[in-house]
Amino acid sequence: MESRTPEALLANTQLQEVIEQAFQALPSMQRAAISVVDMEGYKIDEVSNILAISSSNARMLLHHARVAVHDAIEQYQDN
């Protein structure tokens, strides 16, 4: 069950801001990779075609993007 206390709503809003800031700070190719895979549901092979890169490069970009966003979330939660 989701908490609707003012504190929980504020924390959720702050977390969304942290995620958005981390996303915007990504290099453009990483931002593109995470957008089309995690937000739009494309597969890696489709991403590599869209971005005109190899599948391994697309996987690497996606991995680095996810790690950066995850690290920002962990840092927010530690504070």
PDB file of N, CA and C in Angstrom:
ATOM      1  N   MET A   1       0.844  -1.184   0.000  1.00  0.00           N
ATOM      2  CA  MET A   1       0.000   0.000   0.000  1.00  0.00           C
ATOM      3  C   MET A   1       0.884   1.240   0.000  1.00  0.00           C
ATOM      4  N   GLU A   2       0.578   2.187  -0.847  1.00  0.00           N
ATOM      5  CA  GLU A   2       1.361   3.397  -1.000  1.00  0.00           C
ATOM      6  C   GLU A   2       1.000   4.403   0.084  1.00  0.00           C
ATOM      7  N   SER A   3       2.020   4.995   0.681  1.00  0.00           N
ATOM      8  CA  SER A   3       1.807   5.979   1.729  1.00  0.00           C
ATOM      9  C   SER A   3       1.518   7.340   1.099  1.00  0.00           C
ATOM     10  N   ARG A   4       0.524   8.036   1.636  1.00  0.00           N
ATOM     11  CA  ARG A   4       0.146   9.354   1.124  1.00  0.00           C
ATOM     12  C   ARG A   4       0.408  10.465   2.132  1.00  0.00           C
ATOM     13  N   THR A   5       1.312  10.199   3.076  1.00  0.00           N
ATOM     14  CA  THR A   5       1.635  11.240   4.038  1.00  0.00           C
ATOM     15  C   THR A   5       2.400  12.345   3.323  1.00  0.00           C
ATOM     16  N   PRO A   6       2.352  13.558   3.851  1.00  0.00           N
ATOM     17  CA  PRO A   6       3.127  14.639   3.222  1.00  0.00           C
ATOM     18  C   PRO A   6       4.616  14.302   3.108  1.00  0.00           C
ATOM     19  N   GLU A   7       5.159  13.637   4.119  1.00  0.00           N
ATOM     20  CA  GLU A   7       6.576  13.268   4.087  1.00  0.00           C
ATOM     21  C   GLU A   7       6.869  12.278   2.959  1.00  0.00           C
ATOM     22  N   ALA A   8       5.988  11.294   2.790  1.00  0.00           N
ATOM     23  CA  ALA A   8       6.181  10.293   1.731  1.00  0.00           C
ATOM     24  C   ALA A   8       6.048  10.931   0.355  1.00  0.00           C
ATOM     25  N   LEU A   9       5.082  11.821   0.204  1.00  0.00           N
ATOM     26  CA  LEU A   9       4.905  12.504  -1.085  1.00  0.00           C
ATOM     27  C   LEU A   9       6.102  13.382  -1.409  1.00  0.00           C
ATOM     28  N   LEU A  10       6.627  14.084  -0.399  1.00  0.00           N
ATOM     29  CA  LEU A  10       7.801  14.928  -0.602  1.00  0.00           C
ATOM     30  C   LEU A  10       9.007  14.079  -0.985  1.00  0.00           C
ATOM     31  N   ALA A  11       9.205  12.958  -0.287  1.00  0.00           N
ATOM     32  CA  ALA A  11      10.324  12.071  -0.599  1.00  0.00           C
ATOM     33  C   ALA A  11      10.208  11.533  -2.015  1.00  0.00           C
ATOM     34  N   ASN A  12       8.985  11.174  -2.425  1.00  0.00           N
ATOM     35  CA  ASN A  12       8.769  10.669  -3.779  1.00  0.00           C
ATOM     36  C   ASN A  12       9.073  11.755  -4.813  1.00  0.00           C
ATOM     37  N   THR A  13       8.639  12.965  -4.552  1.00  0.00           N
ATOM     38  CA  THR A  13       8.912  14.080  -5.470  1.00  0.00           C
ATOM     39  C   THR A  13      10.410  14.333  -5.556  1.00  0.00           C
ATOM     40  N   GLN A  14      11.080  14.309  -4.413  1.00  0.00           N
ATOM     41  CA  GLN A  14      12.530  14.524  -4.404  1.00  0.00           C
ATOM     42  C   GLN A  14      13.254  13.415  -5.160  1.00  0.00           C
ATOM     43  N   LEU A  15      12.811  12.181  -4.978  1.00  0.00           N
ATOM     44  CA  LEU A  15      13.427  11.055  -5.687  1.00  0.00           C
ATOM     45  C   LEU A  15      13.224  11.200  -7.191  1.00  0.00           C
ATOM     46  N   GLN A  16      12.044  11.603  -7.612  1.00  0.00           N
ATOM     47  CA  GLN A  16      11.792  11.822  -9.040  1.00  0.00           C
ATOM     48  C   GLN A  16      12.721  12.895  -9.591  1.00  0.00           C
ATOM     49  N   GLU A  17      12.965  13.939  -8.811  1.00  0.00           N
ATOM     50  CA  GLU A  17      13.883  15.007  -9.240  1.00  0.00           C
ATOM     51  C   GLU A  17      15.313  14.488  -9.355  1.00  0.00           C
ATOM     52  N   VAL A  18      15.728  13.641  -8.410  1.00  0.00           N
ATOM     53  CA  VAL A  18      17.069  13.046  -8.448  1.00  0.00           C
ATOM     54  C   VAL A  18      17.222  12.199  -9.705  1.00  0.00           C
ATOM     55  N   ILE A  19      16.214  11.392  -9.991  1.00  0.00           N
ATOM     56  CA  ILE A  19      16.262  10.535 -11.178  1.00  0.00           C
ATOM     57  C   ILE A  19      16.308  11.382 -12.445  1.00  0.00           C
ATOM     58  N   GLU A  20      15.483  12.412 -12.514  1.00  0.00           N
ATOM     59  CA  GLU A  20      15.463  13.283 -13.699  1.00  0.00           C
ATOM     60  C   GLU A  20      16.801  14.002 -13.875  1.00  0.00           C
ATOM     61  N   GLN A  21      17.385  14.480 -12.782  1.00  0.00           N
ATOM     62  CA  GLN A  21      18.686  15.152 -12.870  1.00  0.00           C
ATOM     63  C   GLN A  21      19.764  14.183 -13.328  1.00  0.00           C
ATOM     64  N   ALA A  22      19.745  12.962 -12.796  1.00  0.00           N
ATOM     65  CA  ALA A  22      20.730  11.957 -13.209  1.00  0.00           C
ATOM     66  C   ALA A  22      20.559  11.617 -14.679  1.00  0.00           C
ATOM     67  N   PHE A  23      19.306  11.491 -15.109  1.00  0.00           N
ATOM     68  CA  PHE A  23      19.012  11.196 -16.509  1.00  0.00           C
ATOM     69  C   PHE A  23      19.522  12.315 -17.417  1.00  0.00           C
ATOM     70  N   GLN A  24      19.243  13.555 -17.053  1.00  0.00           N
ATOM     71  CA  GLN A  24      19.665  14.691 -17.876  1.00  0.00           C
ATOM     72  C   GLN A  24      21.181  14.863 -17.905  1.00  0.00           C
ATOM     73  N   ALA A  25      21.867  14.393 -16.860  1.00  0.00           N
ATOM     74  CA  ALA A  25      23.323  14.519 -16.797  1.00  0.00           C
ATOM     75  C   ALA A  25      24.051  13.456 -17.625  1.00  0.00           C
ATOM     76  N   LEU A  26      23.322  12.441 -18.076  1.00  0.00           N
ATOM     77  CA  LEU A  26      23.945  11.386 -18.872  1.00  0.00           C
ATOM     78  C   LEU A  26      24.427  11.935 -20.211  1.00  0.00           C
ATOM     79  N   PRO A  27      25.515  11.367 -20.735  1.00  0.00           N
ATOM     80  CA  PRO A  27      25.905  11.695 -22.112  1.00  0.00           C
ATOM     81  C   PRO A  27      24.742  11.337 -23.058  1.00  0.00           C
ATOM     82  N   SER A  28      24.643  12.044 -24.147  1.00  0.00           N
ATOM     83  CA  SER A  28      23.477  11.914 -25.032  1.00  0.00           C
ATOM     84  C   SER A  28      23.234  10.484 -25.519  1.00  0.00           C
ATOM     85  N   MET A  29      24.280   9.745 -25.832  1.00  0.00           N
ATOM     86  CA  MET A  29      24.075   8.380 -26.323  1.00  0.00           C
ATOM     87  C   MET A  29      23.568   7.458 -25.210  1.00  0.00           C
ATOM     88  N   GLN A  30      24.049   7.649 -23.984  1.00  0.00           N
ATOM     89  CA  GLN A  30      23.537   6.868 -22.869  1.00  0.00           C
ATOM     90  C   GLN A  30      22.073   7.225 -22.590  1.00  0.00           C
ATOM     91  N   ARG A  31      21.778   8.506 -22.635  1.00  0.00           N
ATOM     92  CA  ARG A  31      20.402   8.968 -22.430  1.00  0.00           C
ATOM     93  C   ARG A  31      19.475   8.375 -23.493  1.00  0.00           C
ATOM     94  N   ALA A  32      19.937   8.336 -24.718  1.00  0.00           N
ATOM     95  CA  ALA A  32      19.133   7.759 -25.804  1.00  0.00           C
ATOM     96  C   ALA A  32      18.918   6.263 -25.578  1.00  0.00           C
ATOM     97  N   ALA A  33      19.969   5.561 -25.200  1.00  0.00           N
ATOM     98  CA  ALA A  33      19.866   4.107 -24.995  1.00  0.00           C
ATOM     99  C   ALA A  33      18.884   3.778 -23.882  1.00  0.00           C
ATOM    100  N   ILE A  34      19.010   4.448 -22.747  1.00  0.00           N
ATOM    101  CA  ILE A  34      18.122   4.142 -21.624  1.00  0.00           C
ATOM    102  C   ILE A  34      16.689   4.569 -21.939  1.00  0.00           C
ATOM    103  N   SER A  35      16.539   5.626 -22.703  1.00  0.00           N
ATOM    104  CA  SER A  35      15.192   6.088 -23.078  1.00  0.00           C
ATOM    105  C   SER A  35      14.466   5.057 -23.930  1.00  0.00           C
ATOM    106  N   VAL A  36      15.115   4.604 -24.975  1.00  0.00           N
ATOM    107  CA  VAL A  36      14.414   3.707 -25.894  1.00  0.00           C
ATOM    108  C   VAL A  36      14.226   2.302 -25.327  1.00  0.00           C
ATOM    109  N   VAL A  37      15.117   1.870 -24.423  1.00  0.00           N
ATOM    110  CA  VAL A  37      14.957   0.535 -23.838  1.00  0.00           C
ATOM    111  C   VAL A  37      14.013   0.577 -22.636  1.00  0.00           C
ATOM    112  N   ASP A  38      14.348   1.392 -21.639  1.00  0.00           N
ATOM    113  CA  ASP A  38      13.605   1.361 -20.380  1.00  0.00           C
ATOM    114  C   ASP A  38      12.307   2.164 -20.410  1.00  0.00           C
ATOM    115  N   MET A  39      12.213   3.151 -21.270  1.00  0.00           N
ATOM    116  CA  MET A  39      11.004   3.974 -21.286  1.00  0.00           C
ATOM    117  C   MET A  39      10.072   3.635 -22.453  1.00  0.00           C
ATOM    118  N   GLU A  40      10.667   3.211 -23.566  1.00  0.00           N
ATOM    119  CA  GLU A  40       9.851   2.944 -24.748  1.00  0.00           C
ATOM    120  C   GLU A  40       9.745   1.454 -25.079  1.00  0.00           C
ATOM    121  N   GLY A  41      10.539   0.626 -24.397  1.00  0.00           N
ATOM    122  CA  GLY A  41      10.399  -0.813 -24.542  1.00  0.00           C
ATOM    123  C   GLY A  41      11.068  -1.453 -25.748  1.00  0.00           C
ATOM    124  N   TYR A  42      11.990  -0.751 -26.382  1.00  0.00           N
ATOM    125  CA  TYR A  42      12.705  -1.344 -27.515  1.00  0.00           C
ATOM    126  C   TYR A  42      13.692  -2.386 -27.032  1.00  0.00           C
ATOM    127  N   LYS A  43      14.056  -3.305 -27.908  1.00  0.00           N
ATOM    128  CA  LYS A  43      15.063  -4.326 -27.622  1.00  0.00           C
ATOM    129  C   LYS A  43      16.430  -3.795 -28.067  1.00  0.00           C
ATOM    130  N   ILE A  44      17.485  -4.405 -27.518  1.00  0.00           N
ATOM    131  CA  ILE A  44      18.852  -3.947 -27.807  1.00  0.00           C
ATOM    132  C   ILE A  44      19.140  -3.922 -29.304  1.00  0.00           C
ATOM    133  N   ASP A  45      18.707  -4.941 -30.045  1.00  0.00           N
ATOM    134  CA  ASP A  45      18.963  -4.951 -31.491  1.00  0.00           C
ATOM    135  C   ASP A  45      18.302  -3.753 -32.171  1.00  0.00           C
ATOM    136  N   GLU A  46      17.120  -3.392 -31.703  1.00  0.00           N
ATOM    137  CA  GLU A  46      16.438  -2.224 -32.270  1.00  0.00           C
ATOM    138  C   GLU A  46      17.180  -0.945 -31.906  1.00  0.00           C
ATOM    139  N   VAL A  47      17.691  -0.891 -30.687  1.00  0.00           N
ATOM    140  CA  VAL A  47      18.452   0.284 -30.236  1.00  0.00           C
ATOM    141  C   VAL A  47      19.700   0.456 -31.072  1.00  0.00           C
ATOM    142  N   SER A  48      20.388  -0.653 -31.324  1.00  0.00           N
ATOM    143  CA  SER A  48      21.612  -0.549 -32.122  1.00  0.00           C
ATOM    144  C   SER A  48      21.308  -0.041 -33.528  1.00  0.00           C
ATOM    145  N   ASN A  49      20.179  -0.440 -34.093  1.00  0.00           N
ATOM    146  CA  ASN A  49      19.782   0.072 -35.407  1.00  0.00           C
ATOM    147  C   ASN A  49      19.408   1.548 -35.343  1.00  0.00           C
ATOM    148  N   ILE A  50      18.651   1.923 -34.334  1.00  0.00           N
ATOM    149  CA  ILE A  50      18.221   3.321 -34.185  1.00  0.00           C
ATOM    150  C   ILE A  50      19.428   4.235 -34.010  1.00  0.00           C
ATOM    151  N   LEU A  51      20.380   3.813 -33.179  1.00  0.00           N
ATOM    152  CA  LEU A  51      21.538   4.652 -32.877  1.00  0.00           C
ATOM    153  C   LEU A  51      22.710   4.414 -33.823  1.00  0.00           C
ATOM    154  N   ALA A  52      22.562   3.462 -34.731  1.00  0.00           N
ATOM    155  CA  ALA A  52      23.606   3.135 -35.708  1.00  0.00           C
ATOM    156  C   ALA A  52      24.916   2.756 -35.012  1.00  0.00           C
ATOM    157  N   ILE A  53      24.791   1.847 -34.025  1.00  0.00           N
ATOM    158  CA  ILE A  53      25.955   1.345 -33.293  1.00  0.00           C
ATOM    159  C   ILE A  53      25.819  -0.171 -33.174  1.00  0.00           C
ATOM    160  N   SER A  54      26.888  -0.818 -32.728  1.00  0.00           N
ATOM    161  CA  SER A  54      26.834  -2.271 -32.556  1.00  0.00           C
ATOM    162  C   SER A  54      25.956  -2.629 -31.351  1.00  0.00           C
ATOM    163  N   SER A  55      25.486  -3.861 -31.328  1.00  0.00           N
ATOM    164  CA  SER A  55      24.679  -4.325 -30.196  1.00  0.00           C
ATOM    165  C   SER A  55      25.479  -4.284 -28.899  1.00  0.00           C
ATOM    166  N   SER A  56      26.758  -4.645 -28.976  1.00  0.00           N
ATOM    167  CA  SER A  56      27.582  -4.621 -27.765  1.00  0.00           C
ATOM    168  C   SER A  56      27.764  -3.197 -27.253  1.00  0.00           C
ATOM    169  N   ASN A  57      27.910  -2.249 -28.147  1.00  0.00           N
ATOM    170  CA  ASN A  57      28.023  -0.849 -27.746  1.00  0.00           C
ATOM    171  C   ASN A  57      26.703  -0.366 -27.139  1.00  0.00           C
ATOM    172  N   ALA A  58      25.588  -0.772 -27.709  1.00  0.00           N
ATOM    173  CA  ALA A  58      24.281  -0.394 -27.166  1.00  0.00           C
ATOM    174  C   ALA A  58      24.119  -0.959 -25.757  1.00  0.00           C
ATOM    175  N   ARG A  59      24.528  -2.202 -25.546  1.00  0.00           N
ATOM    176  CA  ARG A  59      24.451  -2.808 -24.210  1.00  0.00           C
ATOM    177  C   ARG A  59      25.344  -2.063 -23.219  1.00  0.00           C
ATOM    178  N   MET A  60      26.537  -1.685 -23.664  1.00  0.00           N
ATOM    179  CA  MET A  60      27.456  -0.946 -22.804  1.00  0.00           C
ATOM    180  C   MET A  60      26.878   0.416 -22.425  1.00  0.00           C
ATOM    181  N   LEU A  61      26.326   1.119 -23.399  1.00  0.00           N
ATOM    182  CA  LEU A  61      25.717   2.425 -23.112  1.00  0.00           C
ATOM    183  C   LEU A  61      24.571   2.288 -22.119  1.00  0.00           C
ATOM    184  N   LEU A  62      23.729   1.292 -22.335  1.00  0.00           N
ATOM    185  CA  LEU A  62      22.594   1.057 -21.449  1.00  0.00           C
ATOM    186  C   LEU A  62      23.072   0.724 -20.038  1.00  0.00           C
ATOM    187  N   HIS A  63      24.075  -0.133 -19.939  1.00  0.00           N
ATOM    188  CA  HIS A  63      24.611  -0.505 -18.631  1.00  0.00           C
ATOM    189  C   HIS A  63      25.136   0.722 -17.885  1.00  0.00           C
ATOM    190  N   HIS A  64      25.951   1.529 -18.561  1.00  0.00           N
ATOM    191  CA  HIS A  64      26.522   2.717 -17.921  1.00  0.00           C
ATOM    192  C   HIS A  64      25.433   3.705 -17.505  1.00  0.00           C
ATOM    193  N   ALA A  65      24.429   3.851 -18.320  1.00  0.00           N
ATOM    194  CA  ALA A  65      23.319   4.758 -17.990  1.00  0.00           C
ATOM    195  C   ALA A  65      22.572   4.261 -16.760  1.00  0.00           C
ATOM    196  N   ARG A  66      22.269   2.975 -16.728  1.00  0.00           N
ATOM    197  CA  ARG A  66      21.548   2.406 -15.575  1.00  0.00           C
ATOM    198  C   ARG A  66      22.367   2.533 -14.302  1.00  0.00           C
ATOM    199  N   VAL A  67      23.666   2.279 -14.391  1.00  0.00           N
ATOM    200  CA  VAL A  67      24.532   2.394 -13.217  1.00  0.00           C
ATOM    201  C   VAL A  67      24.545   3.832 -12.703  1.00  0.00           C
ATOM    202  N   ALA A  68      24.645   4.793 -13.589  1.00  0.00           N
ATOM    203  CA  ALA A  68      24.671   6.203 -13.180  1.00  0.00           C
ATOM    204  C   ALA A  68      23.376   6.599 -12.479  1.00  0.00           C
ATOM    205  N   VAL A  69      22.244   6.188 -13.026  1.00  0.00           N
ATOM    206  CA  VAL A  69      20.957   6.514 -12.406  1.00  0.00           C
ATOM    207  C   VAL A  69      20.829   5.784 -11.069  1.00  0.00           C
ATOM    208  N   HIS A  70      21.211   4.533 -11.037  1.00  0.00           N
ATOM    209  CA  HIS A  70      21.158   3.750  -9.793  1.00  0.00           C
ATOM    210  C   HIS A  70      22.039   4.382  -8.723  1.00  0.00           C
ATOM    211  N   ASP A  71      23.240   4.814  -9.101  1.00  0.00           N
ATOM    212  CA  ASP A  71      24.148   5.448  -8.147  1.00  0.00           C
ATOM    213  C   ASP A  71      23.540   6.736  -7.588  1.00  0.00           C
ATOM    214  N   ALA A  72      22.878   7.504  -8.426  1.00  0.00           N
ATOM    215  CA  ALA A  72      22.224   8.742  -7.959  1.00  0.00           C
ATOM    216  C   ALA A  72      21.117   8.419  -6.970  1.00  0.00           C
ATOM    217  N   ILE A  73      20.358   7.367  -7.231  1.00  0.00           N
ATOM    218  CA  ILE A  73      19.296   6.957  -6.314  1.00  0.00           C
ATOM    219  C   ILE A  73      19.883   6.500  -4.982  1.00  0.00           C
ATOM    220  N   GLU A  74      20.948   5.704  -5.029  1.00  0.00           N
ATOM    221  CA  GLU A  74      21.588   5.249  -3.794  1.00  0.00           C
ATOM    222  C   GLU A  74      22.133   6.418  -2.987  1.00  0.00           C
ATOM    223  N   GLN A  75      22.744   7.356  -3.667  1.00  0.00           N
ATOM    224  CA  GLN A  75      23.290   8.531  -2.973  1.00  0.00           C
ATOM    225  C   GLN A  75      22.167   9.327  -2.316  1.00  0.00           C
ATOM    226  N   TYR A  76      21.055   9.487  -3.000  1.00  0.00           N
ATOM    227  CA  TYR A  76      19.897  10.180  -2.431  1.00  0.00           C
ATOM    228  C   TYR A  76      19.387   9.434  -1.195  1.00  0.00           C
ATOM    229  N   GLN A  77      19.301   8.129  -1.269  1.00  0.00           N
ATOM    230  CA  GLN A  77      18.776   7.335  -0.163  1.00  0.00           C
ATOM    231  C   GLN A  77      19.726   7.324   1.027  1.00  0.00           C
ATOM    232  N   ASP A  78      21.024   7.484   0.778  1.00  0.00           N
ATOM    233  CA  ASP A  78      22.009   7.504   1.865  1.00  0.00           C
ATOM    234  C   ASP A  78      21.986   8.836   2.613  1.00  0.00           C
ATOM    235  N   ASN A  79      21.466   9.874   1.986  1.00  0.00           N
ATOM    236  CA  ASN A  79      21.441  11.204   2.626  1.00  0.00           C
ATOM    237  C   ASN A  79      20.204  11.428   3.422  1.00  0.00           C
TER     238      ASN A  79
END
